[in-house]
Structure formats: structure tokens, C-alpha cells
Amino acid sequence: MSVADDFSQSPVGAIGRVTVPIPPNGPGEVLVAVRGGSEAYAAWADRPIGKDLRVIVVESISARSVIVELLPS
């Protein structure tokens, strides 16, 4: 895999953990396991999601921003 391929790997479908609560109309932060490590992303959701809850990335809206949903238990 080339360096360019590594940087273009999408976080969509990855499981993450909320590190800063996601409010109704603004970003929170999630830590997502990608590219052999963990990376922090600004995260938006359709509803508020509290700290330390597990989420799944459903869309990447920029290189450092994602849309997430609460991971069903």
C-alpha cells in the first residue's frame, strides 16, 4: 500500500468512542480506530450522544469530520 492510499483510507464503518459529548446542533469528538492507530475526529449526529458511548461512523464529511450513529448494543 502506498502512502497516498494510507491517507485516503475512509473511517466510514469504523467503530469509535465519544471523547467529547456530541450536542444537538454542534460537533463533539470521537476517537476512531483507523490506519493502524486511533485518530480524533470532529463528530456530528442526528441526536445528542454522551461521553464514552460507542458509535459507528456513517459518513465522512471532510478529512477530520464525520457523522456518527450510536452503536446498537
N, C-alpha and C. Protein backbone atom coordinates (compact mmCIF):
# COMPACT_ATOMS: atom_id res chain seq x y z
N MET A 1 0.85 -1.17 0.00
CA MET A 1 0.00 0.00 0.00
C MET A 1 0.89 1.24 0.00
N SER A 2 0.56 2.20 -0.81
CA SER A 2 1.36 3.43 -0.88
C SER A 2 0.94 4.39 0.21
N VAL A 3 1.75 5.39 0.45
CA VAL A 3 1.43 6.40 1.45
C VAL A 3 0.14 7.12 1.08
N ALA A 4 -0.06 7.42 -0.19
CA ALA A 4 -1.29 8.10 -0.63
C ALA A 4 -2.51 7.25 -0.32
N ASP A 5 -2.43 5.93 -0.53
CA ASP A 5 -3.55 5.05 -0.22
C ASP A 5 -3.84 5.05 1.27
N ASP A 6 -2.80 5.06 2.09
CA ASP A 6 -2.95 5.05 3.54
C ASP A 6 -3.69 6.28 4.02
N PHE A 7 -3.36 7.46 3.49
CA PHE A 7 -4.00 8.69 3.92
C PHE A 7 -5.42 8.82 3.40
N SER A 8 -5.76 8.13 2.33
CA SER A 8 -7.10 8.25 1.77
C SER A 8 -8.07 7.22 2.34
N GLN A 9 -7.62 6.36 3.25
CA GLN A 9 -8.48 5.35 3.83
C GLN A 9 -9.62 6.03 4.60
N SER A 10 -10.83 5.67 4.28
CA SER A 10 -12.01 6.28 4.88
C SER A 10 -12.31 5.68 6.25
N PRO A 11 -12.75 6.50 7.20
CA PRO A 11 -13.16 5.98 8.50
C PRO A 11 -14.58 5.43 8.51
N VAL A 12 -15.30 5.54 7.39
CA VAL A 12 -16.69 5.08 7.33
C VAL A 12 -16.74 3.59 7.66
N GLY A 13 -17.63 3.25 8.57
CA GLY A 13 -17.78 1.87 9.02
C GLY A 13 -16.95 1.54 10.25
N ALA A 14 -16.05 2.43 10.63
CA ALA A 14 -15.21 2.19 11.81
C ALA A 14 -15.99 2.46 13.09
N ILE A 15 -15.61 1.75 14.13
CA ILE A 15 -16.21 1.93 15.45
C ILE A 15 -15.36 2.94 16.23
N GLY A 16 -16.03 3.81 16.95
CA GLY A 16 -15.33 4.81 17.74
C GLY A 16 -15.96 4.97 19.11
N ARG A 17 -15.33 5.82 19.92
CA ARG A 17 -15.81 6.14 21.26
C ARG A 17 -15.88 7.65 21.38
N VAL A 18 -16.98 8.15 21.93
CA VAL A 18 -17.16 9.59 22.10
C VAL A 18 -16.25 10.08 23.23
N THR A 19 -15.39 11.05 22.92
CA THR A 19 -14.49 11.62 23.93
C THR A 19 -14.96 12.99 24.39
N VAL A 20 -15.71 13.69 23.56
CA VAL A 20 -16.37 14.95 23.91
C VAL A 20 -17.82 14.79 23.49
N PRO A 21 -18.78 14.93 24.42
CA PRO A 21 -20.19 14.70 24.09
C PRO A 21 -20.62 15.45 22.84
N ILE A 22 -21.48 14.80 22.06
CA ILE A 22 -21.99 15.39 20.82
C ILE A 22 -23.33 16.06 21.14
N PRO A 23 -23.38 17.40 21.04
CA PRO A 23 -24.62 18.12 21.34
C PRO A 23 -25.60 18.08 20.17
N PRO A 24 -26.83 18.60 20.37
CA PRO A 24 -27.83 18.55 19.30
C PRO A 24 -27.42 19.27 18.01
N ASN A 25 -26.78 20.43 18.10
CA ASN A 25 -26.50 21.22 16.90
C ASN A 25 -25.04 21.60 16.77
N GLY A 26 -24.15 20.76 17.19
CA GLY A 26 -22.74 21.11 17.08
C GLY A 26 -21.89 19.87 17.16
N PRO A 27 -20.62 20.04 16.95
CA PRO A 27 -19.76 18.87 16.98
C PRO A 27 -19.32 18.48 18.37
N GLY A 28 -19.11 17.20 18.52
CA GLY A 28 -18.40 16.65 19.66
C GLY A 28 -17.11 16.07 19.09
N GLU A 29 -16.56 15.09 19.77
CA GLU A 29 -15.34 14.46 19.27
C GLU A 29 -15.40 12.96 19.51
N VAL A 30 -14.90 12.21 18.53
CA VAL A 30 -14.83 10.76 18.67
C VAL A 30 -13.41 10.30 18.39
N LEU A 31 -13.02 9.24 19.06
CA LEU A 31 -11.73 8.60 18.83
C LEU A 31 -12.03 7.32 18.06
N VAL A 32 -11.47 7.23 16.85
CA VAL A 32 -11.78 6.13 15.93
C VAL A 32 -10.52 5.35 15.60
N ALA A 33 -10.64 4.03 15.59
CA ALA A 33 -9.52 3.16 15.21
C ALA A 33 -9.43 3.11 13.69
N VAL A 34 -8.39 3.74 13.13
CA VAL A 34 -8.15 3.74 11.69
C VAL A 34 -6.65 3.71 11.42
N ARG A 35 -6.30 3.21 10.26
CA ARG A 35 -4.91 3.21 9.79
C ARG A 35 -3.93 2.66 10.82
N GLY A 36 -4.31 1.63 11.55
CA GLY A 36 -3.41 1.00 12.50
C GLY A 36 -3.22 1.77 13.79
N GLY A 37 -4.05 2.77 14.04
CA GLY A 37 -3.95 3.55 15.27
C GLY A 37 -5.31 4.13 15.61
N SER A 38 -5.32 5.14 16.43
CA SER A 38 -6.56 5.84 16.78
C SER A 38 -6.41 7.31 16.42
N GLU A 39 -7.48 7.88 15.86
CA GLU A 39 -7.47 9.28 15.48
C GLU A 39 -8.73 9.96 15.98
N ALA A 40 -8.60 11.23 16.36
CA ALA A 40 -9.73 12.03 16.83
C ALA A 40 -10.37 12.74 15.64
N TYR A 41 -11.69 12.74 15.61
CA TYR A 41 -12.46 13.41 14.57
C TYR A 41 -13.52 14.29 15.23
N ALA A 42 -13.81 15.45 14.63
CA ALA A 42 -15.00 16.22 14.99
C ALA A 42 -16.19 15.37 14.54
N ALA A 43 -17.22 15.28 15.37
CA ALA A 43 -18.32 14.38 15.05
C ALA A 43 -19.67 15.04 15.26
N TRP A 44 -20.55 14.81 14.30
CA TRP A 44 -21.93 15.27 14.37
C TRP A 44 -22.83 14.04 14.38
N ALA A 45 -24.05 14.21 14.93
CA ALA A 45 -25.03 13.13 14.97
C ALA A 45 -26.43 13.73 14.89
N ASP A 46 -27.41 12.89 14.55
CA ASP A 46 -28.80 13.34 14.48
C ASP A 46 -29.38 13.64 15.85
N ARG A 47 -28.79 13.06 16.87
CA ARG A 47 -29.26 13.29 18.24
C ARG A 47 -28.06 13.38 19.16
N PRO A 48 -28.21 13.96 20.34
CA PRO A 48 -27.08 14.06 21.26
C PRO A 48 -26.57 12.67 21.66
N ILE A 49 -25.26 12.56 21.80
CA ILE A 49 -24.64 11.30 22.23
C ILE A 49 -23.64 11.65 23.32
N GLY A 50 -23.74 10.95 24.45
CA GLY A 50 -22.91 11.23 25.61
C GLY A 50 -21.50 10.66 25.53
N LYS A 51 -20.67 11.15 26.42
CA LYS A 51 -19.27 10.74 26.50
C LYS A 51 -19.15 9.25 26.81
N ASP A 52 -18.13 8.64 26.24
CA ASP A 52 -17.76 7.23 26.44
C ASP A 52 -18.70 6.22 25.78
N LEU A 53 -19.70 6.69 25.02
CA LEU A 53 -20.56 5.75 24.31
C LEU A 53 -19.91 5.35 22.99
N ARG A 54 -20.19 4.13 22.55
CA ARG A 54 -19.62 3.63 21.29
C ARG A 54 -20.51 4.02 20.12
N VAL A 55 -19.85 4.43 19.04
CA VAL A 55 -20.55 4.89 17.83
C VAL A 55 -19.94 4.22 16.61
N ILE A 56 -20.67 4.31 15.50
CA ILE A 56 -20.15 3.86 14.23
C ILE A 56 -20.16 5.05 13.28
N VAL A 57 -19.11 5.20 12.50
CA VAL A 57 -19.01 6.30 11.53
C VAL A 57 -19.85 5.92 10.31
N VAL A 58 -20.82 6.78 9.97
CA VAL A 58 -21.69 6.50 8.83
C VAL A 58 -21.38 7.37 7.61
N GLU A 59 -20.66 8.48 7.83
CA GLU A 59 -20.31 9.35 6.71
C GLU A 59 -19.09 10.19 7.08
N SER A 60 -18.23 10.40 6.10
CA SER A 60 -17.09 11.29 6.27
C SER A 60 -17.41 12.59 5.54
N ILE A 61 -17.43 13.72 6.26
CA ILE A 61 -17.80 14.98 5.61
C ILE A 61 -16.58 15.86 5.30
N SER A 62 -15.44 15.50 5.85
CA SER A 62 -14.17 16.14 5.49
C SER A 62 -13.06 15.24 6.02
N ALA A 63 -11.84 15.65 5.86
CA ALA A 63 -10.71 14.83 6.30
C ALA A 63 -10.71 14.61 7.81
N ARG A 64 -11.28 15.52 8.59
CA ARG A 64 -11.26 15.42 10.05
C ARG A 64 -12.63 15.51 10.68
N SER A 65 -13.70 15.34 9.90
CA SER A 65 -15.06 15.45 10.41
C SER A 65 -15.91 14.30 9.90
N VAL A 66 -16.73 13.76 10.81
CA VAL A 66 -17.56 12.61 10.47
C VAL A 66 -18.96 12.75 11.04
N ILE A 67 -19.86 11.97 10.48
CA ILE A 67 -21.21 11.82 11.04
C ILE A 67 -21.27 10.41 11.62
N VAL A 68 -21.80 10.32 12.84
CA VAL A 68 -21.84 9.05 13.55
C VAL A 68 -23.25 8.71 14.00
N GLU A 69 -23.45 7.44 14.32
CA GLU A 69 -24.68 6.97 14.95
C GLU A 69 -24.29 6.13 16.15
N LEU A 70 -25.14 6.13 17.14
CA LEU A 70 -24.91 5.30 18.32
C LEU A 70 -24.85 3.84 17.90
N LEU A 71 -23.87 3.12 18.38
CA LEU A 71 -23.73 1.70 18.05
C LEU A 71 -24.78 0.92 18.83
N PRO A 72 -25.62 0.15 18.13
CA PRO A 72 -26.63 -0.65 18.84
C PRO A 72 -25.95 -1.64 19.79
N SER A 73 -26.57 -1.83 20.94
CA SER A 73 -25.97 -2.75 21.90
C SER A 73 -26.45 -4.17 21.73
